[in-house]
Amino acid sequence: MVKLLLTGVFKPFGVSDEYGEALCTMELLNNQVTREQGIHSPRSNNLSFGLYLMAENLDIPSTVLDFPAWKDFTKEINKGNYTHVGISFIVPNVLKAKRMAEYIRRESPSTKIIVGGHGAAIPNLREILDYDEVCRGEGVAWLRRYFGEDVKKPIKHPVVHSAVRKFVYGAPILEMAGIILPGVGCQNSCSFCATSHKFEKQYTSFLKTGREMLDACNKTAEKLRVKDFGVMDENFLKSPVRARQFVDEMEKELKAYTFSIFSSADAVTKMGVDFLVRMGVNFIWIGVESKWNVFEKTHGVDLFKLIKDLQDHGVTVLASTILFMDHHDKFTIEEDIDWAISLKSDLLQLMQFGPIPGTQLYKDYEAEGKLFMDIPWPSQHGQNEIWFHHPHFTLPETSHYLKNAFIRKYQTDGPGVLNMAHTAIKGYLKLMEDIKDREEKGLVWCPKTLSYIPHPNPKPDEFMKLRLESWRENALRFRPILSTAFKYAPNEKAAEKCRIIMNLYDKVFGKLTIKEMALEVVVKTFAILENQKYKRNGSVMRQPKTKRAEFPDRRNGKLNC
């Protein structure tokens, strides 16, 4: 009987050992967005969404093992009787995958080993670890073909949380979000983009229509009791028909869910900020890359205006930029860092230009002899030193520039969570004003033009009244942390910003409620403990909890869970 285990690599993460480095963690924000913000940095882990999607869409019985400790993995192999084990890993974690494969070969030699994820693109991978198959491209289709199943069957969306083990100032965040996986890949095909190249520069849609999107949201909302979703799609607004349909379907059912999305600046500009607000986007990740507009996705877009417009409407903006590109020297890199900070995005990702196996950039740099072949794979993670020859920087300098850029963003604009709180309440006030103004002018939403237009017989916009409530809830989420943000403000500029925001919250919402005061005390108490840990250790590392999920045998009508 065929039985499959899909697993990520084993923890601990973010430690320097024989398998990896301390700066390669399993945290997105704290690692590469709010790095150097210490106690102010939000903390969370994201599940390995692809593993759940693949297991959900196979007929054979499958198990997903996410964030296993070594003992969890070995126990699973020893008791599982698995005919196949799939190991998913990124490039820096290849030595962990190697150790896992060695254990399988020793303890269960008949088990077939399948490797996948971005790490599977490493050249000469077979010289590093022993495996039987490489899963390339989109995983559901590949595994269905491999196991002789129907590749064309409709995709069944899994029910999975987005970020887990969430903390702010050391206090656990109890509100959860679900994940929506509309599709994979991106046709923008930036030369450095690992995901674009992994999926052969094509977009594969899992949820093809707005109705399918809402069905996935409704199912997850019902089972996980969530109203907020992360949309894991490289460029969600690049499929405008589906996005329009999605808003239409939400309006019909009066489901004012909220979303965090990724999208390019050109796609956001085409759809417009009013559309994003109507959809419920309260967080967006935009790749700005460089002031020199070297990418088509930012060409001709006024990024300063776009980012401010989004923030004024309550949309938190995470901008991402890249350092040590070909045009960077000691002068232009400082220019780009200053420019990225001057955009005033709520959050800023800073990453090193990195030739990742499988990308066009890697092929080009390999052909040009720029790659340092003696730098181990675990060091190629983009948060320390680069691993290629740059004519203007030594390797130690690249680590120094990156760290200082994070510090400059923090010292200039203050904690990211404080910026998010400001954007949230500004958006709530703006939406209140807009709704009132539209009612007075008799404006209604026009799905064709994606704008509000005059109507001879306007009706109250009940959907946007629900959206206003969701904007209100989003703003109030931040209120219990503001006094703690003030207490640990990194400088007077940040403290003054915090005073202004706290006064604005008081003006809009009145005095703190008893519940808010209690939550404020809770956050302050946890922050004291968290701050002690930072003083004692210099950092705080939390390991994600192991998650195990079983998926039933669906062959011959078997659906027993």
Protein backbone atom coordinates (compact mmCIF):
# COMPACT_ATOMS: atom_id res chain seq x y z
CA MET A 1 0.00 0.00 0.00
CA VAL A 2 1.36 3.39 -1.05
CA LYS A 3 1.75 5.82 1.83
CA LEU A 4 3.39 9.25 1.63
CA LEU A 5 5.07 11.47 4.22
CA LEU A 6 5.60 15.11 3.28
CA THR A 7 7.97 16.87 5.66
CA GLY A 8 9.91 20.06 6.10
CA VAL A 9 13.40 20.04 7.56
CA PHE A 10 14.00 19.60 11.27
CA LYS A 11 14.46 22.29 13.90
CA PRO A 12 16.03 24.12 15.67
CA PHE A 13 16.11 27.05 13.26
CA GLY A 14 18.10 30.25 13.60
CA VAL A 15 21.03 28.68 15.41
CA SER A 16 24.62 28.28 14.30
CA ASP A 17 25.42 24.57 14.10
CA GLU A 18 26.72 22.05 11.59
CA TYR A 19 23.52 22.40 9.52
CA GLY A 20 22.87 26.15 9.37
CA GLU A 21 23.41 29.70 10.57
CA ALA A 22 21.77 31.94 13.17
CA LEU A 23 20.52 34.42 10.58
CA CYS A 24 18.57 31.73 8.71
CA THR A 25 15.43 31.56 10.83
CA MET A 26 11.87 30.38 10.28
CA GLU A 27 10.51 33.90 10.78
CA LEU A 28 9.75 36.28 7.97
CA LEU A 29 9.27 39.68 9.62
CA ASN A 30 11.83 39.38 12.40
CA ASN A 31 14.43 37.98 10.03
CA GLN A 32 14.27 40.30 7.05
CA VAL A 33 11.75 43.08 7.65
CA THR A 34 11.77 44.23 11.29
CA ARG A 35 15.28 42.99 11.95
CA GLU A 36 17.21 45.18 14.43
CA GLN A 37 13.94 46.41 16.01
CA GLY A 38 14.42 44.19 19.06
CA ILE A 39 11.44 44.03 21.39
CA HIS A 40 9.28 45.96 18.87
CA SER A 41 9.57 43.26 16.22
CA PRO A 42 6.40 41.18 15.68
CA ARG A 43 7.14 37.46 15.87
CA SER A 44 5.46 34.60 14.05
CA ASN A 45 6.02 31.47 12.00
CA ASN A 46 4.36 30.56 8.73
CA LEU A 47 3.33 26.99 8.03
CA SER A 48 4.64 25.09 5.00
CA PHE A 49 1.49 25.78 3.01
CA GLY A 50 2.53 23.82 -0.07
CA LEU A 51 2.78 20.55 1.85
CA TYR A 52 -0.84 20.81 3.00
CA LEU A 53 -2.02 21.74 -0.49
CA MET A 54 -0.29 18.71 -2.02
CA ALA A 55 -1.53 16.28 0.63
CA GLU A 56 -5.09 17.61 0.32
CA ASN A 57 -5.07 16.89 -3.41
CA LEU A 58 -3.72 13.35 -3.51
CA ASP A 59 -5.82 10.19 -3.35
CA ILE A 60 -3.16 8.18 -1.56
CA PRO A 61 -2.98 8.41 2.25
CA SER A 62 -0.56 11.16 3.26
CA THR A 63 0.88 12.75 6.38
CA VAL A 64 2.32 16.24 6.70
CA LEU A 65 5.03 16.81 9.30
CA ASP A 66 5.76 20.51 9.71
CA PHE A 67 8.59 21.95 11.84
CA PRO A 68 9.61 18.56 13.26
CA ALA A 69 12.28 18.16 15.89
CA TRP A 70 14.78 15.44 14.98
CA LYS A 71 13.07 13.05 17.38
CA ASP A 72 9.70 13.77 15.74
CA PHE A 73 11.07 12.95 12.32
CA THR A 74 12.85 9.76 13.33
CA LYS A 75 9.80 8.56 15.27
CA GLU A 76 7.64 9.12 12.19
CA ILE A 77 10.02 7.18 9.97
CA ASN A 78 10.35 4.32 12.47
CA LYS A 79 6.61 3.81 12.94
CA GLY A 80 5.14 5.10 9.71
CA ASN A 81 5.69 2.33 7.16
CA TYR A 82 5.95 4.97 4.48
CA THR A 83 6.62 3.86 0.93
CA HIS A 84 7.57 7.42 -0.04
CA VAL A 85 8.95 10.41 1.86
CA GLY A 86 8.99 13.89 0.33
CA ILE A 87 11.47 16.36 1.87
CA SER A 88 10.90 20.04 1.11
CA PHE A 89 13.74 22.47 1.76
CA ILE A 90 15.31 25.76 0.73
CA VAL A 91 18.93 26.11 -0.36
CA PRO A 92 20.42 27.00 3.07
CA ASN A 93 18.80 23.92 4.64
CA VAL A 94 20.24 21.34 2.25
CA LEU A 95 22.46 19.76 4.94
CA LYS A 96 19.38 19.13 7.08
CA ALA A 97 17.74 17.40 4.12
CA LYS A 98 20.94 15.39 3.68
CA ARG A 99 20.82 14.12 7.26
CA MET A 100 17.14 13.20 6.90
CA ALA A 101 17.80 11.28 3.69
CA GLU A 102 20.67 9.40 5.32
CA TYR A 103 18.42 8.34 8.19
CA ILE A 104 15.71 7.10 5.80
CA ARG A 105 18.22 5.09 3.79
CA ARG A 106 19.55 3.47 6.95
CA GLU A 107 16.31 2.78 8.78
CA SER A 108 13.87 2.29 5.88
CA PRO A 109 15.91 1.40 2.79
CA SER A 110 12.89 0.46 0.67
CA THR A 111 11.34 3.91 1.06
CA LYS A 112 11.56 6.15 -1.98
CA ILE A 113 12.93 9.63 -1.27
CA ILE A 114 11.47 12.60 -3.18
CA VAL A 115 13.08 16.02 -2.76
CA GLY A 116 11.40 19.33 -3.55
CA GLY A 117 11.27 23.02 -2.79
CA HIS A 118 13.75 25.67 -3.91
CA GLY A 119 16.64 23.62 -2.57
CA ALA A 120 15.99 20.96 -5.19
CA ALA A 121 17.42 23.33 -7.82
CA ILE A 122 20.94 23.05 -6.35
CA PRO A 123 23.27 21.86 -9.12
CA ASN A 124 24.87 18.47 -8.53
CA LEU A 125 22.41 17.89 -5.70
CA ARG A 126 22.97 14.13 -5.91
CA GLU A 127 26.56 14.66 -4.79
CA ILE A 128 25.20 16.15 -1.54
CA LEU A 129 22.26 13.91 -0.66
CA ASP A 130 20.85 10.57 -1.77
CA TYR A 131 17.37 10.66 -3.30
CA ASP A 132 15.23 8.87 -5.86
CA GLU A 133 13.18 11.65 -7.48
CA VAL A 134 13.12 15.43 -7.74
CA CYS A 135 9.74 17.16 -7.69
CA ARG A 136 10.09 20.08 -10.09
CA GLY A 137 7.57 22.76 -10.90
CA GLU A 138 4.07 22.75 -9.44
CA GLY A 139 3.89 20.01 -6.80
CA VAL A 140 0.26 18.85 -6.99
CA ALA A 141 0.45 18.04 -10.70
CA TRP A 142 3.89 16.45 -10.33
CA LEU A 143 2.83 14.14 -7.50
CA ARG A 144 -0.43 13.21 -9.22
CA ARG A 145 1.51 12.18 -12.31
CA TYR A 146 4.07 10.32 -10.24
CA PHE A 147 1.45 8.29 -8.37
CA GLY A 148 -0.68 7.69 -11.47
CA GLU A 149 -3.57 9.93 -10.41
CA ASP A 150 -5.74 12.24 -12.50
CA VAL A 151 -3.75 15.41 -13.05
CA LYS A 152 -6.79 17.37 -14.25
CA LYS A 153 -8.93 16.87 -11.17
CA PRO A 154 -10.10 20.14 -9.59
CA ILE A 155 -7.91 21.52 -6.83
CA LYS A 156 -9.34 21.14 -3.33
CA HIS A 157 -8.23 24.02 -1.14
CA PRO A 158 -6.79 23.05 2.27
CA VAL A 159 -7.91 24.63 5.53
CA VAL A 160 -4.74 26.00 7.10
CA HIS A 161 -3.78 28.85 9.40
CA SER A 162 -1.49 31.55 8.06
CA ALA A 163 0.95 32.81 10.69
CA VAL A 164 1.14 30.79 13.91
CA ARG A 165 2.84 31.33 17.28
CA LYS A 166 2.34 35.08 16.97
CA PHE A 167 3.75 37.48 19.55
CA VAL A 168 4.10 41.22 19.97
CA TYR A 169 6.26 42.60 22.81
CA GLY A 170 6.40 39.01 24.05
CA ALA A 171 2.62 38.83 24.46
CA PRO A 172 0.84 36.08 22.51
CA ILE A 173 -1.53 37.28 19.79
CA LEU A 174 -4.68 35.21 20.03
CA GLU A 175 -6.36 36.38 16.82
CA MET A 176 -5.56 34.04 13.96
CA ALA A 177 -5.77 34.24 10.18
CA GLY A 178 -6.28 31.68 7.47
CA ILE A 179 -4.25 31.19 4.30
CA ILE A 180 -5.63 31.33 0.77
CA LEU A 181 -3.57 29.87 -2.09
CA PRO A 182 -4.97 31.21 -5.38
CA GLY A 183 -2.02 30.04 -7.48
CA VAL A 184 1.75 29.85 -7.90
CA GLY A 185 4.29 31.50 -10.15
CA CYS A 186 4.73 34.94 -11.64
CA GLN A 187 5.11 36.00 -15.26
CA ASN A 188 7.07 39.15 -14.40
CA SER A 189 10.08 36.82 -14.41
CA CYS A 190 12.60 39.02 -12.60
CA SER A 191 16.01 37.44 -13.13
CA PHE A 192 16.61 36.93 -9.40
CA CYS A 193 13.16 35.52 -8.53
CA ALA A 194 13.35 31.89 -7.39
CA THR A 195 9.58 31.33 -7.39
CA SER A 196 9.13 32.70 -10.90
CA HIS A 197 11.79 30.38 -12.27
CA LYS A 198 10.70 27.39 -10.18
CA PHE A 199 7.35 27.50 -11.95
CA GLU A 200 8.92 28.10 -15.36
CA LYS A 201 7.90 31.77 -15.53
CA GLN A 202 4.23 30.78 -15.73
CA TYR A 203 1.30 31.31 -13.43
CA THR A 204 -0.69 28.24 -12.39
CA SER A 205 -4.09 29.04 -10.97
CA PHE A 206 -5.63 26.87 -8.24
CA LEU A 207 -8.63 29.12 -7.61
CA LYS A 208 -9.66 30.29 -11.05
CA THR A 209 -12.72 32.40 -10.26
CA GLY A 210 -13.92 34.81 -7.63
CA ARG A 211 -16.52 32.28 -6.58
CA GLU A 212 -13.83 29.68 -5.91
CA MET A 213 -11.90 32.28 -3.92
CA LEU A 214 -14.89 33.04 -1.71
CA ASP A 215 -15.72 29.35 -1.27
CA ALA A 216 -12.18 28.76 0.01
CA CYS A 217 -12.50 31.73 2.38
CA ASN A 218 -15.89 30.61 3.65
CA LYS A 219 -14.68 27.08 4.32
CA THR A 220 -11.61 28.28 6.19
CA ALA A 221 -13.60 30.92 8.08
CA GLU A 222 -16.11 28.33 9.26
CA LYS A 223 -13.57 25.72 10.34
CA LEU A 224 -10.95 28.02 11.86
CA ARG A 225 -13.25 30.86 12.95
CA VAL A 226 -11.21 33.53 11.20
CA LYS A 227 -12.12 36.67 9.25
CA ASP A 228 -8.63 37.65 8.13
CA PHE A 229 -6.58 35.90 5.43
CA GLY A 230 -3.10 35.89 4.01
CA VAL A 231 -3.23 35.51 0.23
CA MET A 232 -0.18 33.51 -0.82
CA ASP A 233 0.12 34.54 -4.45
CA GLU A 234 3.11 36.24 -6.04
CA ASN A 235 1.00 38.96 -7.67
CA PHE A 236 -2.68 38.53 -6.86
CA LEU A 237 -3.91 41.65 -8.69
CA LYS A 238 -2.18 40.49 -11.87
CA SER A 239 -5.35 38.43 -12.46
CA PRO A 240 -7.81 41.37 -12.50
CA VAL A 241 -10.88 39.44 -13.70
CA ARG A 242 -10.67 37.03 -10.77
CA ALA A 243 -10.06 39.89 -8.33
CA ARG A 244 -13.12 41.75 -9.64
CA GLN A 245 -15.25 38.62 -9.42
CA PHE A 246 -14.03 38.06 -5.88
CA VAL A 247 -15.21 41.47 -4.73
CA ASP A 248 -18.56 40.96 -6.47
CA GLU A 249 -19.05 37.62 -4.71
CA MET A 250 -18.16 39.07 -1.31
CA GLU A 251 -20.66 41.87 -1.86
CA LYS A 252 -23.44 39.43 -2.74
CA GLU A 253 -22.91 37.50 0.50
CA LEU A 254 -21.96 40.57 2.57
CA LYS A 255 -18.72 38.90 3.63
CA ALA A 256 -16.30 41.69 4.53
CA TYR A 257 -13.19 39.54 5.02
CA THR A 258 -9.80 41.27 5.23
CA PHE A 259 -6.62 40.32 3.41
CA SER A 260 -2.86 40.61 3.26
CA ILE A 261 -1.61 40.31 -0.31
CA PHE A 262 1.46 40.52 -2.52
CA SER A 263 1.18 42.61 -5.65
CA SER A 264 3.33 44.68 -7.98
CA ALA A 265 3.15 48.45 -8.14
CA ASP A 266 1.88 48.48 -11.72
CA ALA A 267 -0.94 46.04 -10.90
CA VAL A 268 -1.97 48.05 -7.84
CA THR A 269 -2.02 51.26 -9.89
CA LYS A 270 -4.24 49.71 -12.57
CA MET A 271 -6.80 48.42 -10.06
CA GLY A 272 -6.77 51.54 -7.88
CA VAL A 273 -6.77 52.09 -4.13
CA ASP A 274 -10.57 52.30 -3.90
CA PHE A 275 -10.76 48.77 -5.27
CA LEU A 276 -8.22 47.47 -2.75
CA VAL A 277 -10.17 49.00 0.14
CA ARG A 278 -13.42 47.56 -1.16
CA MET A 279 -11.77 44.14 -1.40
CA GLY A 280 -10.57 44.47 2.19
CA VAL A 281 -6.81 44.62 1.60
CA ASN A 282 -5.33 46.04 4.80
CA PHE A 283 -1.76 44.87 4.17
CA ILE A 284 0.18 44.77 0.92
CA TRP A 285 3.71 43.73 0.00
CA ILE A 286 5.16 45.66 -2.95
CA GLY A 287 8.56 45.08 -4.51
CA VAL A 288 10.14 48.50 -5.12
CA GLU A 289 13.66 47.05 -5.57
CA SER A 290 15.63 50.17 -6.63
CA LYS A 291 15.17 53.89 -7.31
CA TRP A 292 16.56 53.35 -10.76
CA ASN A 293 13.34 51.59 -11.89
CA VAL A 294 15.23 48.73 -13.45
CA PHE A 295 12.12 46.54 -13.45
CA GLU A 296 9.02 46.87 -15.61
CA LYS A 297 6.71 46.42 -12.61
CA THR A 298 7.71 49.83 -11.17
CA HIS A 299 8.37 51.70 -14.41
CA GLY A 300 6.35 54.91 -14.61
CA VAL A 301 4.78 54.45 -11.15
CA ASP A 302 5.04 57.26 -8.62
CA LEU A 303 5.89 55.05 -5.67
CA PHE A 304 5.87 57.91 -3.15
CA LYS A 305 2.32 58.84 -4.11
CA LEU A 306 1.13 55.24 -4.33
CA ILE A 307 2.47 54.27 -0.90
CA LYS A 308 1.07 57.38 0.78
CA ASP A 309 -2.32 56.88 -0.88
CA LEU A 310 -2.48 53.29 0.32
CA GLN A 311 -1.52 54.26 3.86
CA ASP A 312 -4.04 57.11 3.96
CA HIS A 313 -6.72 54.53 3.13
CA GLY A 314 -5.64 52.13 5.88
CA VAL A 315 -3.45 49.76 3.87
CA THR A 316 -0.19 48.86 5.59
CA VAL A 317 2.61 48.86 3.02
CA LEU A 318 5.59 46.55 3.21
CA ALA A 319 8.05 47.68 0.55
CA SER A 320 10.98 45.49 -0.39
CA THR A 321 14.28 46.59 -1.84
CA ILE A 322 17.46 44.84 -2.97
CA LEU A 323 21.06 45.68 -2.16
CA PHE A 324 24.29 44.82 -4.04
CA MET A 325 22.80 44.78 -7.50
CA ASP A 326 25.05 45.27 -10.50
CA HIS A 327 24.67 49.06 -10.50
CA HIS A 328 25.57 49.45 -6.82
CA ASP A 329 28.82 50.96 -5.70
CA LYS A 330 29.69 52.74 -2.44
CA PHE A 331 27.73 55.80 -3.54
CA THR A 332 24.71 54.34 -5.34
CA ILE A 333 23.98 51.79 -2.61
CA GLU A 334 23.71 54.60 -0.05
CA GLU A 335 21.44 56.42 -2.50
CA ASP A 336 19.19 53.37 -2.81
CA ILE A 337 19.03 52.83 0.96
CA ASP A 338 18.16 56.49 1.53
CA TRP A 339 15.57 56.35 -1.26
CA ALA A 340 13.94 53.16 0.09
CA ILE A 341 13.66 54.68 3.58
CA SER A 342 12.34 57.96 2.14
CA LEU A 343 9.37 56.09 0.66
CA LYS A 344 8.05 56.02 4.26
CA SER A 345 6.55 52.55 3.94
CA ASP A 346 5.28 51.12 7.22
CA LEU A 347 7.68 48.21 6.87
CA LEU A 348 10.76 47.69 4.71
CA GLN A 349 12.32 44.44 3.65
CA LEU A 350 16.00 44.66 2.86
CA MET A 351 17.48 41.70 1.01
CA GLN A 352 20.75 41.06 -0.73
CA PHE A 353 20.87 40.46 -4.45
CA GLY A 354 21.28 36.71 -4.47
CA PRO A 355 21.89 34.32 -7.36
CA ILE A 356 19.72 31.37 -6.28
CA PRO A 357 20.03 28.05 -8.13
CA GLY A 358 17.42 27.70 -10.84
CA THR A 359 17.18 31.42 -11.60
CA GLN A 360 18.45 33.21 -14.69
CA LEU A 361 20.65 35.31 -12.42
CA TYR A 362 22.39 32.18 -11.14
CA LYS A 363 22.99 30.93 -14.69
CA ASP A 364 24.33 34.31 -15.78
CA TYR A 365 26.66 34.68 -12.80
CA GLU A 366 27.86 31.11 -13.15
CA ALA A 367 28.68 31.68 -16.82
CA GLU A 368 30.49 34.91 -15.94
CA GLY A 369 32.51 33.22 -13.18
CA LYS A 370 31.11 35.50 -10.48
CA LEU A 371 30.01 32.80 -8.02
CA PHE A 372 32.24 31.94 -5.05
CA MET A 373 32.08 28.17 -5.19
CA ASP A 374 33.73 27.74 -1.77
CA ILE A 375 30.90 29.42 0.16
CA PRO A 376 28.73 26.67 1.67
CA TRP A 377 25.05 26.45 0.82
CA PRO A 378 23.91 27.12 4.43
CA SER A 379 25.52 30.57 4.18
CA GLN A 380 23.55 31.56 1.09
CA HIS A 381 20.46 33.02 2.73
CA GLY A 382 20.65 36.75 1.98
CA GLN A 383 20.97 38.12 5.52
CA ASN A 384 24.71 38.07 6.13
CA GLU A 385 27.35 38.13 3.39
CA ILE A 386 26.78 37.78 -0.35
CA TRP A 387 28.20 34.72 -2.12
CA PHE A 388 29.29 36.22 -5.41
CA HIS A 389 32.00 38.59 -6.58
CA HIS A 390 30.97 42.25 -6.49
CA PRO A 391 33.56 44.71 -7.82
CA HIS A 392 32.79 47.36 -5.18
CA PHE A 393 32.31 45.43 -1.93
CA THR A 394 34.17 42.89 0.17
CA LEU A 395 32.05 40.13 1.70
CA PRO A 396 32.27 41.49 5.28
CA GLU A 397 31.22 44.91 3.98
CA THR A 398 28.00 43.46 2.55
CA SER A 399 26.93 42.19 5.97
CA HIS A 400 27.77 45.57 7.52
CA TYR A 401 25.80 47.58 4.94
CA LEU A 402 22.73 45.37 5.30
CA LYS A 403 22.62 45.52 9.09
CA ASN A 404 23.13 49.28 9.12
CA ALA A 405 20.35 49.76 6.59
CA PHE A 406 17.90 48.02 8.94
CA ILE A 407 19.09 50.20 11.82
CA ARG A 408 18.68 53.38 9.75
CA LYS A 409 15.10 52.47 8.83
CA TYR A 410 14.31 51.78 12.49
CA GLN A 411 15.90 54.98 13.77
CA THR A 412 14.30 57.09 11.04
CA ASP A 413 10.70 55.83 11.07
CA GLY A 414 10.45 54.06 14.41
CA PRO A 415 8.99 50.62 15.12
CA GLY A 416 7.07 48.97 12.29
CA VAL A 417 4.14 48.08 14.55
CA LEU A 418 3.76 51.76 15.44
CA ASN A 419 3.64 52.70 11.76
CA MET A 420 1.02 50.02 11.18
CA ALA A 421 -1.11 51.40 14.02
CA HIS A 422 -0.93 54.88 12.50
CA THR A 423 -1.94 53.62 9.06
CA ALA A 424 -4.82 51.61 10.52
CA ILE A 425 -6.46 54.53 12.33
CA LYS A 426 -5.85 56.95 9.45
CA GLY A 427 -7.60 54.48 7.18
CA TYR A 428 -10.57 54.15 9.52
CA LEU A 429 -11.03 57.92 9.65
CA LYS A 430 -10.61 58.21 5.88
CA LEU A 431 -13.17 55.50 5.17
CA MET A 432 -15.70 57.14 7.52
CA GLU A 433 -15.27 60.42 5.67
CA ASP A 434 -15.45 58.76 2.25
CA ILE A 435 -18.65 56.86 3.02
CA LYS A 436 -20.32 60.03 4.32
CA ASP A 437 -19.14 62.04 1.32
CA ARG A 438 -20.39 59.44 -1.19
CA GLU A 439 -23.80 59.31 0.46
CA GLU A 440 -24.10 63.09 0.33
CA LYS A 441 -23.08 63.17 -3.33
CA GLY A 442 -25.17 60.13 -4.34
CA LEU A 443 -22.18 58.09 -5.49
CA VAL A 444 -22.30 54.30 -5.92
CA TRP A 445 -19.66 51.72 -6.71
CA CYS A 446 -19.26 50.90 -10.41
CA PRO A 447 -17.63 47.47 -10.94
CA LYS A 448 -16.86 48.30 -14.58
CA THR A 449 -14.86 51.46 -13.92
CA LEU A 450 -13.67 50.42 -10.42
CA SER A 451 -14.74 53.81 -9.11
CA TYR A 452 -17.60 55.59 -7.37
CA ILE A 453 -19.94 57.39 -9.82
CA PRO A 454 -23.15 59.42 -9.57
CA HIS A 455 -26.42 57.48 -9.59
CA PRO A 456 -29.98 58.83 -9.95
CA ASN A 457 -31.31 56.53 -7.26
CA PRO A 458 -28.44 55.69 -4.90
CA LYS A 459 -28.91 53.12 -2.17
CA PRO A 460 -26.93 52.81 1.07
CA ASP A 461 -23.70 50.88 0.54
CA GLU A 462 -24.27 48.15 3.12
CA PHE A 463 -21.12 46.30 2.11
CA MET A 464 -18.88 49.28 2.80
CA LYS A 465 -20.54 49.77 6.18
CA LEU A 466 -19.32 46.26 6.99
CA ARG A 467 -15.93 47.17 5.59
CA LEU A 468 -15.85 50.22 7.87
CA GLU A 469 -16.39 47.94 10.85
CA SER A 470 -13.52 45.70 9.73
CA TRP A 471 -11.30 48.80 9.41
CA ARG A 472 -12.34 49.82 12.92
CA GLU A 473 -11.50 46.38 14.30
CA ASN A 474 -8.12 46.47 12.59
CA ALA A 475 -7.27 49.85 14.13
CA LEU A 476 -8.32 48.75 17.60
CA ARG A 477 -6.06 45.69 17.45
CA PHE A 478 -3.09 48.01 17.93
CA ARG A 479 -4.41 50.10 20.80
CA PRO A 480 -3.25 47.87 23.71
CA ILE A 481 0.39 47.98 22.51
CA LEU A 482 0.78 51.75 22.12
CA SER A 483 1.85 52.58 25.68
CA THR A 484 4.42 49.78 25.52
CA ALA A 485 5.69 51.08 22.18
CA PHE A 486 6.11 54.47 23.85
CA LYS A 487 7.96 53.02 26.85
CA TYR A 488 10.54 51.25 24.66
CA ALA A 489 10.75 53.90 21.92
CA PRO A 490 14.25 53.87 20.37
CA ASN A 491 14.54 57.68 20.27
CA GLU A 492 12.60 60.89 20.95
CA LYS A 493 11.34 61.03 17.37
CA ALA A 494 9.66 57.65 17.76
CA ALA A 495 8.34 58.62 21.20
CA GLU A 496 6.76 61.79 19.79
CA LYS A 497 5.19 59.80 16.96
CA CYS A 498 3.75 57.45 19.55
CA ARG A 499 2.31 60.35 21.56
CA ILE A 500 0.59 61.70 18.45
CA ILE A 501 -0.87 58.31 17.57
CA MET A 502 -2.05 57.66 21.13
CA ASN A 503 -3.77 61.05 21.20
CA LEU A 504 -5.42 60.28 17.87
CA TYR A 505 -6.74 56.97 19.19
CA ASP A 506 -8.12 58.75 22.28
CA LYS A 507 -9.78 61.39 20.11
CA VAL A 508 -11.41 58.82 17.84
CA PHE A 509 -12.32 56.06 20.30
CA GLY A 510 -12.47 57.86 23.64
CA LYS A 511 -10.87 56.56 26.80
CA LEU A 512 -9.58 53.03 27.04
CA THR A 513 -12.25 50.48 27.90
CA ILE A 514 -11.76 48.17 30.87
CA LYS A 515 -10.90 45.35 28.47
CA GLU A 516 -8.35 47.51 26.65
CA MET A 517 -6.77 48.60 29.93
CA ALA A 518 -6.47 44.96 30.99
CA LEU A 519 -4.87 44.04 27.66
CA GLU A 520 -2.51 47.00 28.00
CA VAL A 521 -1.34 45.68 31.38
CA VAL A 522 -0.88 42.21 29.93
CA VAL A 523 1.27 43.54 27.08
CA LYS A 524 3.37 45.66 29.47
CA THR A 525 3.97 42.65 31.73
CA PHE A 526 5.06 40.42 28.87
CA ALA A 527 7.23 43.23 27.50
CA ILE A 528 9.16 43.47 30.78
CA LEU A 529 9.97 39.77 30.57
CA GLU A 530 10.79 40.00 26.87
CA ASN A 531 13.07 42.96 27.40
CA GLN A 532 14.96 41.08 30.10
CA LYS A 533 15.56 38.25 27.63
CA TYR A 534 16.92 40.68 25.05
CA LYS A 535 19.22 42.27 27.62
CA ARG A 536 20.43 38.87 28.78
CA ASN A 537 20.84 37.16 25.41
CA GLY A 538 20.91 39.93 22.83
CA SER A 539 18.03 38.28 20.98
CA VAL A 540 15.02 36.06 21.54
CA MET A 541 14.63 32.90 19.50
CA ARG A 542 11.35 30.99 19.50
CA GLN A 543 11.06 27.65 17.77
CA PRO A 544 7.81 26.84 15.95
CA LYS A 545 5.75 24.00 17.34
CA THR A 546 5.69 20.71 15.48
CA LYS A 547 2.49 20.22 13.50
CA ARG A 548 1.36 16.84 12.22
CA ALA A 549 -1.66 16.35 9.96
CA GLU A 550 -3.03 13.16 8.43
CA PHE A 551 -4.90 13.02 5.13
CA PRO A 552 -7.14 10.03 4.32
CA ASP A 553 -7.01 7.34 1.68
CA ARG A 554 -9.37 8.62 -1.00
CA ARG A 555 -8.95 5.74 -3.47
CA ASN A 556 -11.98 3.63 -4.33
CA GLY A 557 -14.25 6.00 -2.47
CA LYS A 558 -12.39 5.68 0.85
CA LEU A 559 -12.84 8.84 2.86
CA ASN A 560 -12.31 7.61 6.39
CA CYS A 561 -10.23 10.15 8.33
